[in-house]
Amino acid sequence: MNPRQESFRAGCVEPDHALHRRLFLQGLAGAGATSLMSWNGLFSFPAFAEQAKKRGKKCILLWLCGAPSQFETWDPKPGRPTGGPFRSIKTKIPGFHVSELMPRCASILDKLAVVRSMKTVQNEHFQAIDLLTRGHAPRPPFIRPTLGAVLAQQLGHLENPIPNFVLLDPCPEGNEFKSFKAGNWAGWLGAAYGPVRVGGDYKIQDVARVPGMSEADHEEREALRKFFTRKFENERRSEAASSQNAVFARVKGLMSCAPLFDVEKLPAKDKEKYGPGTFGIHTLLARHLVENGAPFVMVANGMPWDCHVFHHEIYQMLVPDVDRIIYHLVRDLEDRGMLDETLVVVMGEFGRTPWLNASRGRDHYPNAWSLAMTGCGIKRGVVVGATDIDGVEVTERPFNEQNLFATLFTALGIDPYAAYDLPGFPTFHRVENQSEPIREILA
Protein backbone atom coordinates (compact mmCIF):
# COMPACT_ATOMS: atom_id res chain seq x y z
CA MET A 1 0.00 0.00 0.00
CA ASN A 2 1.46 3.36 -0.99
CA PRO A 3 1.58 6.38 1.37
CA ARG A 4 -1.33 8.05 -0.36
CA GLN A 5 -3.50 4.98 0.14
CA GLU A 6 -2.44 4.82 3.79
CA SER A 7 -3.33 8.48 4.19
CA PHE A 8 -6.70 7.90 2.55
CA ARG A 9 -7.44 5.08 4.96
CA ALA A 10 -6.55 7.06 8.07
CA GLY A 11 -8.20 10.42 7.65
CA CYS A 12 -11.73 11.74 7.50
CA VAL A 13 -12.15 10.23 4.04
CA GLU A 14 -11.01 6.70 4.87
CA PRO A 15 -13.36 3.93 3.66
CA ASP A 16 -14.96 3.35 7.04
CA HIS A 17 -15.96 7.02 7.08
CA ALA A 18 -17.11 7.06 3.45
CA LEU A 19 -20.74 6.71 4.50
CA HIS A 20 -21.51 9.82 6.48
CA ARG A 21 -23.02 8.77 9.79
CA ARG A 22 -25.69 11.42 9.85
CA LEU A 23 -26.81 10.56 6.33
CA PHE A 24 -26.96 6.93 7.31
CA LEU A 25 -29.20 7.70 10.28
CA GLN A 26 -31.39 9.83 8.07
CA GLY A 27 -31.57 6.96 5.61
CA LEU A 28 -32.71 4.64 8.33
CA ALA A 29 -35.42 7.05 9.34
CA GLY A 30 -36.62 7.41 5.76
CA ALA A 31 -36.37 3.86 4.46
CA GLY A 32 -36.78 1.98 7.71
CA ALA A 33 -34.20 -0.27 9.27
CA THR A 34 -36.11 -3.41 8.39
CA SER A 35 -36.25 -2.74 4.67
CA LEU A 36 -32.55 -1.87 4.56
CA MET A 37 -31.59 -5.06 6.31
CA SER A 38 -33.99 -7.23 4.33
CA TRP A 39 -32.12 -6.64 1.09
CA ASN A 40 -28.76 -6.26 2.82
CA GLY A 41 -28.74 -2.60 1.70
CA LEU A 42 -25.93 -0.71 3.40
CA PHE A 43 -24.75 -3.89 5.12
CA SER A 44 -23.68 -5.16 1.69
CA PHE A 45 -20.97 -2.50 1.61
CA PRO A 46 -17.74 -3.90 3.14
CA ALA A 47 -16.81 -0.47 4.51
CA PHE A 48 -20.10 -0.15 6.37
CA ALA A 49 -20.06 -3.73 7.62
CA GLU A 50 -16.55 -3.25 9.03
CA GLN A 51 -17.51 0.07 10.60
CA ALA A 52 -20.60 -1.40 12.23
CA LYS A 53 -18.54 -4.28 13.61
CA LYS A 54 -15.88 -1.93 14.96
CA ARG A 55 -18.34 0.37 16.68
CA GLY A 56 -19.55 -2.35 19.00
CA LYS A 57 -16.15 -2.39 20.71
CA LYS A 58 -15.28 -0.55 23.90
CA CYS A 59 -12.21 0.08 26.04
CA ILE A 60 -11.74 0.74 29.76
CA LEU A 61 -8.28 1.94 30.80
CA LEU A 62 -7.57 1.65 34.53
CA TRP A 63 -4.68 4.07 34.99
CA LEU A 64 -2.76 3.43 38.22
CA CYS A 65 -1.35 6.92 38.36
CA GLY A 66 2.00 7.30 40.06
CA ALA A 67 3.21 3.93 38.75
CA PRO A 68 2.52 0.66 40.60
CA SER A 69 5.27 -1.71 41.68
CA GLN A 70 5.60 -4.87 39.63
CA PHE A 71 7.07 -6.67 42.66
CA GLU A 72 3.91 -6.36 44.74
CA THR A 73 1.58 -7.14 41.84
CA TRP A 74 2.33 -9.13 38.65
CA ASP A 75 6.03 -10.03 38.94
CA PRO A 76 6.94 -10.93 42.54
CA LYS A 77 10.46 -11.97 43.53
CA PRO A 78 9.92 -13.66 46.92
CA GLY A 79 13.01 -14.44 48.95
CA ARG A 80 15.24 -12.16 46.90
CA PRO A 81 16.83 -8.97 48.28
CA THR A 82 14.61 -6.97 45.92
CA GLY A 83 11.43 -8.89 46.64
CA GLY A 84 10.21 -7.27 49.83
CA PRO A 85 8.32 -8.95 52.67
CA PHE A 86 5.42 -10.39 50.68
CA ARG A 87 5.11 -13.95 49.43
CA SER A 88 3.94 -15.06 46.02
CA ILE A 89 0.88 -17.27 45.48
CA LYS A 90 -0.22 -19.72 42.82
CA THR A 91 -2.65 -18.64 40.14
CA LYS A 92 -5.05 -20.29 37.72
CA ILE A 93 -2.14 -20.47 35.25
CA PRO A 94 0.11 -23.37 36.31
CA GLY A 95 3.64 -22.26 37.07
CA PHE A 96 2.89 -18.56 37.32
CA HIS A 97 2.61 -16.66 40.59
CA VAL A 98 1.49 -13.18 41.59
CA SER A 99 1.91 -11.28 44.84
CA GLU A 100 0.02 -12.60 47.83
CA LEU A 101 -1.65 -9.18 47.95
CA MET A 102 -3.66 -10.15 44.84
CA PRO A 103 -5.58 -13.34 45.69
CA ARG A 104 -8.66 -12.41 43.64
CA CYS A 105 -6.65 -11.72 40.49
CA ALA A 106 -4.77 -14.97 41.10
CA SER A 107 -8.13 -16.75 40.95
CA ILE A 108 -8.96 -15.26 37.53
CA LEU A 109 -5.51 -15.09 35.95
CA ASP A 110 -6.78 -17.54 33.34
CA LYS A 111 -8.99 -14.67 32.15
CA LEU A 112 -6.14 -12.15 31.96
CA ALA A 113 -3.03 -11.51 29.90
CA VAL A 114 0.02 -10.22 31.78
CA VAL A 115 3.06 -8.57 30.22
CA ARG A 116 6.08 -8.69 32.52
CA SER A 117 8.61 -7.16 30.15
CA MET A 118 7.67 -3.54 29.50
CA LYS A 119 10.80 -1.47 28.95
CA THR A 120 10.43 2.25 28.33
CA VAL A 121 12.71 5.27 28.63
CA GLN A 122 11.02 8.03 30.64
CA ASN A 123 11.43 7.99 34.42
CA GLU A 124 9.59 11.18 35.39
CA HIS A 125 5.82 11.24 35.71
CA PHE A 126 5.03 14.06 33.29
CA GLN A 127 7.14 12.70 30.44
CA ALA A 128 6.19 9.07 31.10
CA ILE A 129 2.44 9.74 31.28
CA ASP A 130 2.70 11.69 28.04
CA LEU A 131 4.62 8.85 26.40
CA LEU A 132 2.33 6.05 27.60
CA THR A 133 -0.92 7.87 26.80
CA ARG A 134 0.18 8.99 23.31
CA GLY A 135 2.31 6.03 22.26
CA HIS A 136 5.26 8.01 20.97
CA ALA A 137 7.80 10.56 22.12
CA PRO A 138 6.87 14.23 21.53
CA ARG A 139 7.73 15.84 18.22
CA PRO A 140 7.17 19.58 18.69
CA PRO A 141 5.34 21.54 17.50
CA PHE A 142 3.02 18.67 16.50
CA ILE A 143 0.78 17.25 19.23
CA ARG A 144 -0.03 13.58 18.89
CA PRO A 145 -3.52 12.59 20.10
CA THR A 146 -3.82 10.43 23.18
CA LEU A 147 -5.10 6.87 23.02
CA GLY A 148 -8.51 8.03 24.24
CA ALA A 149 -8.85 10.56 21.44
CA VAL A 150 -7.91 8.03 18.76
CA LEU A 151 -10.36 5.48 20.13
CA ALA A 152 -13.05 8.15 20.39
CA GLN A 153 -12.59 8.83 16.68
CA GLN A 154 -12.37 5.19 15.65
CA LEU A 155 -14.93 3.56 17.95
CA GLY A 156 -17.38 6.37 18.63
CA HIS A 157 -19.45 8.74 16.58
CA LEU A 158 -19.98 12.47 17.02
CA GLU A 159 -23.77 12.17 17.22
CA ASN A 160 -23.52 9.98 20.31
CA PRO A 161 -25.02 11.86 23.30
CA ILE A 162 -22.73 9.85 25.59
CA PRO A 163 -19.18 11.22 25.35
CA ASN A 164 -16.84 9.18 23.18
CA PHE A 165 -13.95 9.83 25.57
CA VAL A 166 -14.64 9.99 29.30
CA LEU A 167 -11.90 10.65 31.86
CA LEU A 168 -12.93 9.79 35.41
CA ASP A 169 -10.51 11.53 37.75
CA PRO A 170 -10.76 12.27 41.49
CA CYS A 171 -9.17 15.64 40.69
CA PRO A 172 -11.00 16.76 37.52
CA GLU A 173 -9.38 20.17 37.76
CA GLY A 174 -6.00 18.43 37.36
CA ASN A 175 -3.13 17.61 39.69
CA GLU A 176 0.49 18.60 39.89
CA PHE A 177 1.37 16.58 36.80
CA LYS A 178 0.65 18.71 33.75
CA SER A 179 -0.53 15.88 31.52
CA PHE A 180 -3.49 15.37 33.84
CA LYS A 181 -4.45 19.03 33.79
CA ALA A 182 -6.72 20.45 31.15
CA GLY A 183 -4.71 20.27 27.96
CA ASN A 184 -4.61 19.17 24.38
CA TRP A 185 -5.58 15.54 24.79
CA ALA A 186 -6.94 15.27 21.25
CA GLY A 187 -3.91 16.78 19.48
CA TRP A 188 -4.30 17.14 15.75
CA LEU A 189 -7.62 15.22 15.74
CA GLY A 190 -9.34 18.32 17.14
CA ALA A 191 -11.48 19.26 20.12
CA ALA A 192 -14.36 17.01 19.07
CA TYR A 193 -12.33 14.02 20.28
CA GLY A 194 -11.13 15.47 23.57
CA PRO A 195 -12.27 14.02 26.89
CA VAL A 196 -15.19 14.90 29.09
CA ARG A 197 -13.56 15.00 32.49
CA VAL A 198 -15.67 14.03 35.48
CA GLY A 199 -14.83 13.49 39.13
CA GLY A 200 -15.34 14.90 42.56
CA ASP A 201 -19.06 14.52 43.27
CA TYR A 202 -19.53 11.63 40.80
CA LYS A 203 -21.92 13.58 38.64
CA ILE A 204 -21.82 16.14 35.86
CA GLN A 205 -22.40 19.66 37.10
CA ASP A 206 -24.23 22.56 35.44
CA VAL A 207 -26.11 20.63 32.77
CA ALA A 208 -29.64 21.80 33.60
CA ARG A 209 -31.39 24.46 31.52
CA VAL A 210 -31.62 27.95 32.94
CA PRO A 211 -34.72 28.17 35.17
CA GLY A 212 -37.70 29.49 33.25
CA MET A 213 -36.34 28.55 29.81
CA SER A 214 -38.49 26.07 27.95
CA GLU A 215 -37.01 23.23 25.93
CA ALA A 216 -38.35 24.78 22.71
CA ASP A 217 -36.71 28.13 23.52
CA HIS A 218 -33.46 26.35 24.36
CA GLU A 219 -33.48 24.49 21.04
CA GLU A 220 -34.23 27.68 19.08
CA ARG A 221 -31.35 29.51 20.71
CA GLU A 222 -29.02 26.60 20.01
CA ALA A 223 -30.10 26.50 16.36
CA LEU A 224 -29.41 30.23 15.99
CA ARG A 225 -26.01 29.92 17.67
CA LYS A 226 -25.11 27.00 15.41
CA PHE A 227 -26.18 28.93 12.31
CA PHE A 228 -23.97 31.92 13.05
CA THR A 229 -21.01 29.78 14.12
CA ARG A 230 -21.26 27.66 10.97
CA LYS A 231 -21.47 30.80 8.86
CA PHE A 232 -18.35 32.19 10.50
CA GLU A 233 -16.59 28.84 10.14
CA ASN A 234 -17.39 28.59 6.44
CA GLU A 235 -16.44 32.17 5.66
CA ARG A 236 -13.22 32.23 7.69
CA ARG A 237 -12.29 28.54 7.52
CA SER A 238 -11.86 28.75 11.27
CA GLU A 239 -10.81 25.66 13.20
CA ALA A 240 -11.64 27.52 16.41
CA ALA A 241 -15.26 27.91 15.32
CA SER A 242 -15.40 24.23 14.40
CA SER A 243 -14.08 23.30 17.84
CA GLN A 244 -16.61 25.59 19.48
CA ASN A 245 -19.43 23.85 17.65
CA ALA A 246 -18.07 20.49 18.78
CA VAL A 247 -18.01 21.66 22.40
CA PHE A 248 -21.61 22.93 22.26
CA ALA A 249 -22.75 19.67 20.68
CA ARG A 250 -21.04 17.77 23.49
CA VAL A 251 -22.73 19.88 26.16
CA LYS A 252 -26.10 19.24 24.56
CA GLY A 253 -25.42 15.52 24.64
CA LEU A 254 -24.32 15.70 28.26
CA MET A 255 -27.58 17.37 29.21
CA SER A 256 -29.45 14.34 27.93
CA CYS A 257 -27.20 11.65 29.43
CA ALA A 258 -26.16 13.30 32.71
CA PRO A 259 -28.18 10.79 34.80
CA LEU A 260 -25.83 8.02 33.61
CA PHE A 261 -23.01 9.69 35.56
CA ASP A 262 -24.92 9.81 38.84
CA VAL A 263 -23.58 6.94 40.95
CA GLU A 264 -26.42 7.39 43.42
CA LYS A 265 -28.59 5.69 40.81
CA LEU A 266 -26.37 2.58 40.69
CA PRO A 267 -27.31 -0.53 42.70
CA ALA A 268 -26.13 -0.43 46.31
CA LYS A 269 -24.82 -4.00 46.09
CA ASP A 270 -22.54 -3.00 43.20
CA LYS A 271 -21.16 0.00 45.07
CA GLU A 272 -20.53 -2.19 48.08
CA LYS A 273 -18.48 -4.80 46.20
CA TYR A 274 -16.37 -2.21 44.35
CA GLY A 275 -15.64 -0.52 47.66
CA PRO A 276 -16.18 2.99 49.00
CA GLY A 277 -13.02 4.51 47.51
CA THR A 278 -13.08 6.86 44.55
CA PHE A 279 -11.20 4.49 42.26
CA GLY A 280 -13.66 1.67 42.90
CA ILE A 281 -16.69 3.91 42.40
CA HIS A 282 -15.21 5.34 39.21
CA THR A 283 -14.48 1.85 37.88
CA LEU A 284 -18.08 0.84 38.54
CA LEU A 285 -19.18 3.99 36.75
CA ALA A 286 -16.90 3.09 33.81
CA ARG A 287 -18.60 -0.29 33.57
CA HIS A 288 -21.97 1.42 33.61
CA LEU A 289 -20.96 3.94 30.93
CA VAL A 290 -19.60 1.38 28.45
CA GLU A 291 -22.71 -0.69 29.06
CA ASN A 292 -24.70 2.32 27.91
CA GLY A 293 -22.63 3.14 24.84
CA ALA A 294 -19.47 5.02 25.84
CA PRO A 295 -16.65 3.67 23.63
CA PHE A 296 -13.68 4.72 25.82
CA VAL A 297 -13.44 5.42 29.53
CA MET A 298 -10.19 6.13 31.34
CA VAL A 299 -10.21 5.80 35.13
CA ALA A 300 -7.35 7.56 36.92
CA ASN A 301 -6.77 7.45 40.65
CA GLY A 302 -4.66 10.39 41.70
CA MET A 303 -1.08 9.53 42.69
CA PRO A 304 -1.28 6.90 45.47
CA TRP A 305 1.11 4.48 43.76
CA ASP A 306 4.05 6.89 43.91
CA CYS A 307 5.38 5.51 47.18
CA HIS A 308 8.83 6.96 47.80
CA VAL A 309 8.39 6.38 51.54
CA PHE A 310 7.06 3.42 53.56
CA HIS A 311 6.35 1.53 50.37
CA HIS A 312 5.46 -1.85 51.85
CA GLU A 313 3.15 -0.41 54.50
CA ILE A 314 1.20 1.63 51.94
CA TYR A 315 0.99 -1.21 49.42
CA GLN A 316 -0.63 -3.43 52.03
CA MET A 317 -3.65 -1.15 51.61
CA LEU A 318 -3.39 -0.20 47.94
CA VAL A 319 -2.92 -3.56 46.26
CA PRO A 320 -5.80 -5.48 47.89
CA ASP A 321 -8.10 -2.61 46.91
CA VAL A 322 -7.15 -2.68 43.21
CA ASP A 323 -7.16 -6.50 43.31
CA ARG A 324 -10.82 -6.42 44.34
CA ILE A 325 -11.70 -3.78 41.74
CA ILE A 326 -10.08 -5.64 38.82
CA TYR A 327 -11.70 -8.89 39.90
CA HIS A 328 -15.21 -7.47 40.04
CA LEU A 329 -14.86 -5.51 36.81
CA VAL A 330 -13.75 -8.58 34.87
CA ARG A 331 -16.42 -10.80 36.41
CA ASP A 332 -19.15 -8.20 35.85
CA LEU A 333 -18.24 -7.69 32.20
CA GLU A 334 -18.17 -11.44 31.70
CA ASP A 335 -21.50 -11.99 33.46
CA ARG A 336 -23.09 -9.29 31.29
CA GLY A 337 -21.73 -10.79 28.09
CA MET A 338 -19.59 -7.67 27.51
CA LEU A 339 -16.06 -8.95 28.03
CA ASP A 340 -15.58 -10.13 24.46
CA GLU A 341 -16.32 -6.64 23.15
CA THR A 342 -14.64 -4.59 25.92
CA LEU A 343 -10.87 -4.26 26.14
CA VAL A 344 -9.69 -3.70 29.73
CA VAL A 345 -6.16 -2.41 30.35
CA VAL A 346 -4.54 -2.01 33.79
CA MET A 347 -1.29 -0.05 33.86
CA GLY A 348 0.66 2.96 35.07
CA GLU A 349 3.41 5.04 33.54
CA PHE A 350 6.36 2.84 34.61
CA GLY A 351 7.36 0.50 37.45
CA ARG A 352 9.25 0.81 40.72
CA THR A 353 12.90 0.22 41.56
CA PRO A 354 14.08 -3.23 42.67
CA TRP A 355 15.80 -1.58 45.62
CA LEU A 356 14.48 0.58 48.45
CA ASN A 357 15.68 4.11 49.07
CA ALA A 358 16.69 5.54 52.45
CA SER A 359 13.01 6.24 53.25
CA ARG A 360 12.00 2.62 52.63
CA GLY A 361 10.31 3.52 49.36
CA ARG A 362 10.63 2.34 45.78
CA ASP A 363 11.51 5.03 43.24
CA HIS A 364 10.67 5.37 39.52
CA TYR A 365 11.83 2.54 37.25
CA PRO A 366 11.00 2.29 33.52
CA ASN A 367 13.60 -0.42 32.76
CA ALA A 368 11.42 -3.43 33.60
CA TRP A 369 7.75 -3.29 34.57
CA SER A 370 4.41 -5.03 34.15
CA LEU A 371 0.85 -4.45 33.00
CA ALA A 372 -2.27 -6.56 32.44
CA MET A 373 -5.22 -6.63 30.07
CA THR A 374 -8.18 -8.74 29.08
CA GLY A 375 -11.28 -8.73 26.93
CA CYS A 376 -11.74 -7.71 23.32
CA GLY A 377 -9.12 -9.24 21.02
CA ILE A 378 -6.96 -10.52 23.88
CA LYS A 379 -5.91 -14.11 24.47
CA ARG A 380 -6.60 -15.09 28.07
CA GLY A 381 -4.49 -17.02 30.51
CA VAL A 382 -1.20 -15.77 29.03
CA VAL A 383 1.90 -14.39 30.72
CA VAL A 384 4.51 -13.03 28.31
CA GLY A 385 8.02 -11.73 28.92
CA ALA A 386 10.27 -12.14 31.93
CA THR A 387 12.72 -10.29 34.12
CA ASP A 388 15.84 -11.60 35.80
CA ILE A 389 15.88 -13.21 39.23
CA ASP A 390 15.92 -9.81 40.96
CA GLY A 391 13.68 -7.96 38.52
CA VAL A 392 16.44 -5.59 37.45
CA GLU A 393 16.42 -6.23 33.70
CA VAL A 394 14.09 -7.68 31.10
CA THR A 395 15.43 -11.05 29.97
CA GLU A 396 12.68 -12.14 27.56
CA ARG A 397 10.65 -10.23 24.97
CA PRO A 398 11.11 -6.52 25.86
CA PHE A 399 8.25 -4.29 24.73
CA ASN A 400 7.89 -0.52 24.58
CA GLU A 401 5.03 1.94 24.22
CA GLN A 402 4.82 1.45 20.45
CA ASN A 403 4.44 -2.31 20.83
CA LEU A 404 1.73 -1.64 23.40
CA PHE A 405 -0.24 0.74 21.15
CA ALA A 406 0.06 -1.65 18.19
CA THR A 407 -1.41 -4.33 20.46
CA LEU A 408 -4.31 -2.19 21.65
CA PHE A 409 -5.26 -1.03 18.17
CA THR A 410 -5.00 -4.54 16.73
CA ALA A 411 -7.12 -6.01 19.53
CA LEU A 412 -9.83 -3.44 18.77
CA GLY A 413 -9.74 -4.05 15.02
CA ILE A 414 -8.05 -0.73 14.21
CA ASP A 415 -5.21 -0.58 11.68
CA PRO A 416 -2.18 0.40 13.80
CA TYR A 417 -0.12 1.54 10.84
CA ALA A 418 -2.59 3.81 9.05
CA ALA A 419 -1.37 7.32 8.35
CA TYR A 420 -3.21 10.39 9.59
CA ASP A 421 -4.62 12.64 6.89
CA LEU A 422 -2.92 15.90 7.87
CA PRO A 423 -2.55 18.35 4.97
CA GLY A 424 0.65 20.34 5.31
CA PHE A 425 1.98 18.08 8.10
CA PRO A 426 4.71 15.46 7.88
CA THR A 427 3.45 11.89 7.69
CA PHE A 428 2.40 10.49 11.06
CA HIS A 429 1.01 7.01 11.74
CA ARG A 430 -1.09 5.65 14.59
CA VAL A 431 1.95 3.54 15.47
CA GLU A 432 5.32 4.59 14.11
CA ASN A 433 8.20 2.47 12.82
CA GLN A 434 5.93 -0.46 11.91
CA SER A 435 6.35 -1.60 15.52
CA GLU A 436 4.97 -5.09 16.09
CA PRO A 437 2.11 -5.80 18.51
CA ILE A 438 2.59 -8.22 21.37
CA ARG A 439 1.34 -11.16 19.33
CA GLU A 440 1.48 -13.66 22.18
CA ILE A 441 -1.49 -11.99 23.84
CA LEU A 442 -3.60 -11.34 20.77
CA ALA A 443 -6.53 -13.71 20.28
Foldseek 3Di string as FASTA:
>chain_A
DDQVLLQCCFECNRLLNVPPPVVVVVVCVVPNPVVCVVVCNPVVDPSPVLLVVLQLFAEEEEAAAQAAAQCQFQFNQPPDQLRPDWDWDAAPQPPGTTTPLQPLCSDFQLQKEKEFFAFEDDFDRQQLVQCQQQLHHDDPPFRGAGPQLSQLVRRHDLQQLQQQEEEEEQPCCADPRVVSHDDCNNTPVALLSDYDYDHNQQFDPDLDDDPPQDPVNVVVVLVVVLVVLVVCCVVVVDSVSVRVNSVVSNSPSCSVCRVLRRLVPPDPVQDVQLDDDRQSSVLVSVLSSVVVRHRYYYYYYPNQNNWLAPNVVSVSPVSNNVSSSVSVSCVVCVVVVNQQRYKYKYTYSAHWDSHHDPRRTTGTDNATGMIMMGGQQWNGSHYAWDADSSRHHTDGDYDYSLLDQCQVCVSSVHHQARWHNDPPDPTDTNRPPPDHHPVVTGD
